[in-house]
């Protein structure tokens, strides 16, 4: 009789497990649908974006907020890019199309303290498949995401899958954000240091620190210029005085020679420029007034000279 009782208990337990497996916790269903990335617990003070939502979207998660100490918990592997550029904090939240939990997206707002630093992370992460977006001075979209700068903020919106309805909703949310957070003037004068006639569109990049592996190079703007069949990377940075510019020019020249580059014995172009051949190509560096500029890793010396001379003429024209 005891044995029979034990067998009956085991059968009852097995039936309970069998029935329970078809009754899921709603929280598990939401988590499975959203396929969330690893993230730190939401900060109680994180402000949401519900007031900005277009009619097509509904909240799909609670808002989260991350600071310099916790950012890597959310975007493991990319945090250093933001931290180096002056990151303050990031707020994010997930939204889904109403009535379709599978169509969800995540909205990220990075406070980068000022416009140049926001532009820096925007430019360094620009996707190859970018398509211009009429939103702010610096904005583009891809098949399933959009990216833009709004004043001191850098914003990303990334959908789980591409789709016209979701993209239209994300663009509407972005326009609402810009309207609620007017960016003011978004002009970066340093972008005008590069000649317009041979400029590759949307190729400007700003490196806040350690450009080209040289730790004294800070706030260095660069852009691609096309000459013949060659794409040449031109760069420029503005210093506090002409003396500071001359000193930085000479310091970078010494850095290149110390790291295996060879001096080129040729007429300097522009006048006073230093020209070296490195493992990556031709380097030219010169100073004019408060500006240090040149070309980096050009495929040949003739292309390097043409672009360096064009940059020097553009800087001279801006002085007038």
Protein backbone atom coordinates (compact mmCIF):
# COMPACT_ATOMS: atom_id res chain seq x y z
CA UNK A 1 0.00 0.00 0.00
CA UNK A 2 2.89 2.39 0.80
CA UNK A 3 4.47 1.65 -2.56
CA UNK A 4 1.22 2.32 -4.40
CA UNK A 5 0.82 5.64 -2.54
CA UNK A 6 4.34 6.72 -3.55
CA UNK A 7 3.67 5.83 -7.20
CA UNK A 8 0.42 7.82 -7.16
CA UNK A 9 2.30 10.88 -5.75
CA UNK A 10 4.90 10.64 -8.51
CA UNK A 11 2.21 10.40 -11.19
CA UNK A 12 0.46 13.49 -9.77
CA UNK A 13 3.70 15.45 -9.74
CA UNK A 14 4.44 14.48 -13.35
CA UNK A 15 0.96 15.58 -14.44
CA UNK A 16 1.48 18.93 -12.69
CA UNK A 17 4.75 19.57 -14.49
CA UNK A 18 3.19 18.57 -17.82
CA UNK A 19 0.31 21.04 -17.39
CA UNK A 20 2.51 23.88 -16.04
CA UNK A 21 4.81 23.90 -19.08
CA UNK A 22 1.96 25.31 -21.20
CA UNK A 23 1.35 28.22 -18.80
CA UNK A 24 4.12 30.85 -19.29
CA UNK A 25 4.83 33.80 -17.07
CA UNK A 26 3.93 37.00 -19.06
CA UNK A 27 7.28 38.50 -18.10
CA UNK A 28 9.04 35.62 -19.83
CA UNK A 29 6.92 36.17 -22.93
CA UNK A 30 7.90 39.87 -23.06
CA UNK A 31 11.56 39.13 -22.51
CA UNK A 32 11.55 36.50 -25.24
CA UNK A 33 9.85 38.80 -27.73
CA UNK A 34 12.21 41.70 -27.04
CA UNK A 35 15.39 39.64 -26.98
CA UNK A 36 16.96 42.24 -24.65
CA UNK A 37 20.67 42.84 -24.52
CA UNK A 38 22.52 42.63 -21.23
CA UNK A 39 22.07 45.89 -19.34
CA UNK A 40 22.44 47.40 -15.91
CA UNK A 41 19.33 47.86 -13.73
CA UNK A 42 17.35 50.95 -14.64
CA UNK A 43 18.24 54.00 -12.59
CA UNK A 44 15.21 55.33 -10.66
CA UNK A 45 15.85 58.85 -11.98
CA UNK A 46 15.88 57.85 -15.67
CA UNK A 47 13.36 60.01 -17.52
CA UNK A 48 11.32 58.33 -20.25
CA UNK A 49 10.30 59.56 -23.68
CA UNK A 50 6.57 58.77 -23.59
CA UNK A 51 5.60 62.41 -24.22
CA UNK A 52 7.43 62.29 -27.56
CA UNK A 53 5.86 59.10 -28.93
CA UNK A 54 3.97 59.24 -32.22
CA UNK A 55 0.60 57.49 -32.32
CA UNK A 56 2.08 54.30 -33.85
CA UNK A 57 4.39 53.51 -30.93
CA UNK A 58 3.89 52.28 -27.37
CA UNK A 59 6.33 51.78 -24.51
CA UNK A 60 7.90 48.33 -24.49
CA UNK A 61 10.26 48.70 -21.52
CA UNK A 62 10.97 50.98 -18.63
CA UNK A 63 13.46 53.83 -19.27
CA UNK A 64 17.07 53.26 -18.28
CA UNK A 65 19.95 55.62 -17.53
CA UNK A 66 23.69 54.92 -17.58
CA UNK A 67 26.64 57.03 -16.48
CA UNK A 68 30.38 56.72 -17.10
CA UNK A 69 30.68 53.90 -14.57
CA UNK A 70 27.84 51.78 -15.97
CA UNK A 71 27.82 52.54 -19.71
CA UNK A 72 29.87 49.43 -20.53
CA UNK A 73 27.13 47.30 -18.94
CA UNK A 74 24.81 48.40 -21.74
CA UNK A 75 27.14 48.75 -24.73
CA UNK A 76 29.98 46.40 -23.90
CA UNK A 77 32.94 46.99 -26.22
CA UNK A 78 31.95 50.48 -27.39
CA UNK A 79 31.98 52.48 -24.17
CA UNK A 80 35.56 53.78 -24.60
CA UNK A 81 34.59 55.64 -27.79
CA UNK A 82 32.00 57.68 -25.88
CA UNK A 83 34.04 58.11 -22.71
CA UNK A 84 37.04 59.45 -24.64
CA UNK A 85 34.80 61.95 -26.43
CA UNK A 86 33.41 63.50 -23.23
CA UNK A 87 30.37 61.34 -22.41
CA UNK A 88 28.08 62.56 -19.59
CA UNK A 89 25.24 60.04 -19.49
CA UNK A 90 22.95 57.98 -21.72
CA UNK A 91 19.19 57.37 -21.52
CA UNK A 92 17.46 54.61 -23.45
CA UNK A 93 14.10 52.89 -23.77
CA UNK A 94 12.40 50.32 -26.01
CA UNK A 95 9.21 50.95 -27.98
CA UNK A 96 7.05 48.72 -30.17
CA UNK A 97 4.45 49.24 -32.86
CA UNK A 98 1.04 49.08 -31.27
CA UNK A 99 -0.44 45.61 -31.57
CA UNK A 100 2.84 44.04 -32.71
CA UNK A 101 5.27 43.09 -29.95
CA UNK A 102 7.68 41.63 -32.51
CA UNK A 103 8.17 45.06 -34.17
CA UNK A 104 10.24 46.86 -31.55
CA UNK A 105 13.08 49.36 -31.51
CA UNK A 106 15.44 50.90 -28.97
CA UNK A 107 16.01 54.63 -28.55
CA UNK A 108 19.38 55.91 -27.23
CA UNK A 109 20.17 59.52 -26.25
CA UNK A 110 23.82 60.20 -25.40
CA UNK A 111 24.53 63.48 -23.63
CA UNK A 112 28.01 64.40 -24.88
CA UNK A 113 28.26 67.81 -23.12
CA UNK A 114 28.64 69.90 -26.32
CA UNK A 115 28.12 69.88 -30.08
CA UNK A 116 31.69 69.00 -31.18
CA UNK A 117 31.80 65.97 -28.89
CA UNK A 118 28.38 64.81 -30.06
CA UNK A 119 29.53 65.22 -33.68
CA UNK A 120 32.70 63.25 -32.90
CA UNK A 121 30.88 60.03 -31.93
CA UNK A 122 28.39 60.57 -34.78
CA UNK A 123 31.22 60.85 -37.33
CA UNK A 124 33.34 58.00 -35.98
CA UNK A 125 30.41 55.56 -36.14
CA UNK A 126 28.98 56.57 -39.51
CA UNK A 127 27.70 53.48 -41.37
CA UNK A 128 28.84 52.75 -44.92
CA UNK A 129 25.21 52.35 -46.07
CA UNK A 130 24.19 55.77 -44.73
CA UNK A 131 21.45 57.74 -46.50
CA UNK A 132 20.97 61.43 -45.73
CA UNK A 133 18.04 62.32 -43.49
CA UNK A 134 16.40 65.76 -43.47
CA UNK A 135 16.31 66.17 -39.69
CA UNK A 136 19.28 68.19 -38.36
CA UNK A 137 22.60 69.34 -39.79
CA UNK A 138 24.08 65.91 -39.06
CA UNK A 139 21.64 63.04 -39.61
CA UNK A 140 21.29 59.86 -41.66
CA UNK A 141 19.43 56.55 -41.74
CA UNK A 142 20.10 52.96 -42.73
CA UNK A 143 17.67 50.11 -43.47
CA UNK A 144 16.73 49.62 -39.81
CA UNK A 145 18.21 52.57 -37.90
CA UNK A 146 18.68 56.32 -37.78
CA UNK A 147 21.44 58.46 -36.27
CA UNK A 148 21.63 62.20 -35.67
CA UNK A 149 23.12 65.02 -33.63
CA UNK A 150 20.86 67.46 -31.79
CA UNK A 151 22.92 70.08 -29.99
CA UNK A 152 24.90 68.34 -27.26
CA UNK A 153 23.05 65.04 -27.81
CA UNK A 154 23.92 62.14 -30.10
CA UNK A 155 20.89 59.94 -30.80
CA UNK A 156 20.52 56.43 -32.19
CA UNK A 157 17.28 54.57 -32.94
CA UNK A 158 17.73 50.92 -33.89
CA UNK A 159 14.89 48.60 -34.92
CA UNK A 160 14.93 44.84 -34.40
CA UNK A 161 14.19 44.40 -38.12
CA UNK A 162 13.84 46.70 -41.15
CA UNK A 163 10.36 47.85 -42.11
CA UNK A 164 8.73 50.97 -43.54
CA UNK A 165 6.16 51.33 -40.77
CA UNK A 166 8.77 51.18 -38.03
CA UNK A 167 11.13 53.52 -39.90
CA UNK A 168 8.37 56.09 -40.36
CA UNK A 169 7.56 55.85 -36.65
CA UNK A 170 11.23 56.30 -35.68
CA UNK A 171 11.57 59.35 -37.92
CA UNK A 172 8.42 60.81 -36.34
CA UNK A 173 9.86 60.21 -32.87
CA UNK A 174 13.12 61.85 -33.95
CA UNK A 175 11.29 64.93 -35.25
CA UNK A 176 9.38 65.19 -31.97
CA UNK A 177 12.66 64.99 -30.06
CA UNK A 178 14.22 67.80 -32.12
CA UNK A 179 11.11 69.96 -31.64
CA UNK A 180 11.22 69.39 -27.87
CA UNK A 181 15.00 69.92 -27.70
CA UNK A 182 15.87 72.73 -30.14
CA UNK A 183 19.55 72.29 -31.03
CA UNK A 184 20.30 75.93 -31.81
CA UNK A 185 23.05 76.70 -34.31
CA UNK A 186 24.87 73.53 -35.31
CA UNK A 187 27.79 75.02 -37.23
CA UNK A 188 31.32 73.65 -36.83
CA UNK A 189 33.69 76.24 -38.38
CA UNK A 190 36.52 73.71 -38.67
CA UNK A 191 34.62 71.88 -41.40
CA UNK A 192 35.26 74.89 -43.64
CA UNK A 193 39.03 74.28 -43.47
CA UNK A 194 38.74 71.67 -46.23
CA UNK A 195 38.47 72.58 -49.95
CA UNK A 196 34.97 72.07 -51.30
CA UNK A 197 35.82 71.22 -54.90
CA UNK A 198 37.39 67.81 -54.24
CA UNK A 199 35.69 66.94 -50.97
CA UNK A 200 34.09 63.49 -50.60
CA UNK A 201 30.58 64.21 -49.25
CA UNK A 202 29.85 63.32 -45.61
CA UNK A 203 33.43 62.23 -44.96
CA UNK A 204 34.22 64.63 -42.10
CA UNK A 205 35.40 63.04 -38.86
CA UNK A 206 36.41 64.57 -35.54
CA UNK A 207 38.83 62.74 -33.25
CA UNK A 208 38.83 64.29 -29.79
CA UNK A 209 42.01 62.59 -28.58
CA UNK A 210 45.05 60.71 -29.93
CA UNK A 211 44.44 61.10 -33.65
CA UNK A 212 46.68 58.93 -35.87
CA UNK A 213 48.23 57.36 -32.77
CA UNK A 214 49.79 60.67 -31.66
CA UNK A 215 48.72 61.59 -28.12
CA UNK A 216 49.32 65.32 -28.66
CA UNK A 217 46.82 65.39 -31.52
CA UNK A 218 43.50 66.46 -29.99
CA UNK A 219 40.36 67.83 -31.63
CA UNK A 220 41.61 66.85 -35.07
CA UNK A 221 39.14 67.15 -37.95
CA UNK A 222 39.67 65.13 -41.10
CA UNK A 223 37.95 64.66 -44.46
CA UNK A 224 38.56 62.71 -47.65
CA UNK A 225 39.52 64.62 -50.79
CA UNK A 226 39.54 62.99 -54.22
CA UNK A 227 42.32 63.81 -56.65
CA UNK A 228 42.53 61.75 -59.82
CA UNK A 229 41.98 58.14 -58.81
CA UNK A 230 43.25 58.69 -55.27
CA UNK A 231 41.29 59.34 -52.08
CA UNK A 232 43.49 61.38 -49.73
CA UNK A 233 42.71 62.00 -46.07
CA UNK A 234 43.28 65.66 -45.17
CA UNK A 235 43.33 66.83 -41.55
CA UNK A 236 43.38 70.08 -39.58
CA UNK A 237 43.28 71.26 -35.98
CA UNK A 238 43.16 74.78 -34.57
CA UNK A 239 45.55 75.80 -31.77
CA UNK A 240 45.62 78.73 -29.38
CA UNK A 241 48.46 80.58 -31.17
CA UNK A 242 50.82 80.37 -34.16
CA UNK A 243 53.66 79.38 -31.82
CA UNK A 244 51.60 76.49 -30.46
CA UNK A 245 50.80 75.42 -34.02
CA UNK A 246 54.48 75.43 -35.02
CA UNK A 247 55.39 73.41 -31.94
CA UNK A 248 52.72 70.80 -32.63
CA UNK A 249 53.79 70.54 -36.28
CA UNK A 250 57.37 69.84 -35.24
CA UNK A 251 56.32 67.39 -32.52
CA UNK A 252 54.26 65.32 -34.97
CA UNK A 253 57.13 65.37 -37.46
CA UNK A 254 59.50 64.00 -34.80
CA UNK A 255 56.88 61.39 -33.81
CA UNK A 256 56.66 60.12 -37.38
CA UNK A 257 60.45 59.86 -37.75
CA UNK A 258 60.74 58.11 -34.39
CA UNK A 259 58.25 55.50 -35.57
CA UNK A 260 60.00 54.46 -38.78
CA UNK A 261 59.03 57.15 -41.30
CA UNK A 262 61.66 58.49 -43.68
CA UNK A 263 62.24 62.12 -44.62
CA UNK A 264 61.46 62.99 -48.25
CA UNK A 265 64.12 65.12 -49.92
CA UNK A 266 61.92 67.27 -52.14
CA UNK A 267 60.64 70.80 -52.38
CA UNK A 268 58.12 71.21 -49.56
CA UNK A 269 54.51 71.73 -50.63
CA UNK A 270 53.10 73.87 -49.11
CA UNK A 271 56.12 76.02 -48.21
CA UNK A 272 57.57 75.00 -44.87
CA UNK A 273 55.77 71.65 -44.85
CA UNK A 274 57.39 68.47 -43.52
CA UNK A 275 57.02 65.46 -45.83
CA UNK A 276 57.79 61.87 -44.86
CA UNK A 277 57.13 58.39 -46.21
CA UNK A 278 55.62 56.00 -43.69
CA UNK A 279 54.52 52.38 -43.86
CA UNK A 280 50.99 53.58 -44.65
CA UNK A 281 51.90 56.13 -47.32
CA UNK A 282 52.92 59.77 -47.61
CA UNK A 283 52.48 62.17 -44.68
CA UNK A 284 52.60 65.95 -45.07
CA UNK A 285 52.24 68.30 -42.12
CA UNK A 286 52.38 72.10 -42.10
CA UNK A 287 51.20 75.05 -40.04
CA UNK A 288 49.61 78.31 -41.08
CA UNK A 289 48.63 80.80 -38.40
CA UNK A 290 46.92 78.89 -35.60
CA UNK A 291 46.15 75.88 -37.80
CA UNK A 292 48.11 72.65 -38.08
CA UNK A 293 47.07 70.69 -41.17
CA UNK A 294 48.25 68.15 -43.70
CA UNK A 295 47.50 64.79 -45.26
CA UNK A 296 47.67 61.35 -43.69
CA UNK A 297 48.68 58.08 -45.39
CA UNK A 298 48.25 59.34 -48.96
CA UNK A 299 48.74 56.65 -51.63
CA UNK A 300 51.45 58.64 -53.45
CA UNK A 301 53.44 61.84 -52.98
CA UNK A 302 51.94 63.73 -55.92
CA UNK A 303 48.38 63.23 -54.66
CA UNK A 304 49.54 64.20 -51.17
CA UNK A 305 51.06 67.45 -52.44
CA UNK A 306 47.97 68.41 -54.45
CA UNK A 307 45.62 67.96 -51.52
CA UNK A 308 47.97 69.59 -48.99
CA UNK A 309 48.31 72.63 -51.27
CA UNK A 310 44.52 72.84 -51.68
CA UNK A 311 44.01 72.70 -47.90
CA UNK A 312 46.62 75.44 -47.40
CA UNK A 313 44.86 77.67 -49.95
CA UNK A 314 41.52 77.10 -48.21
CA UNK A 315 42.98 78.06 -44.83
CA UNK A 316 44.55 81.17 -46.38
CA UNK A 317 41.20 82.17 -47.92
CA UNK A 318 39.51 81.88 -44.50
CA UNK A 319 42.05 84.28 -43.00
CA UNK A 320 40.90 87.12 -45.28
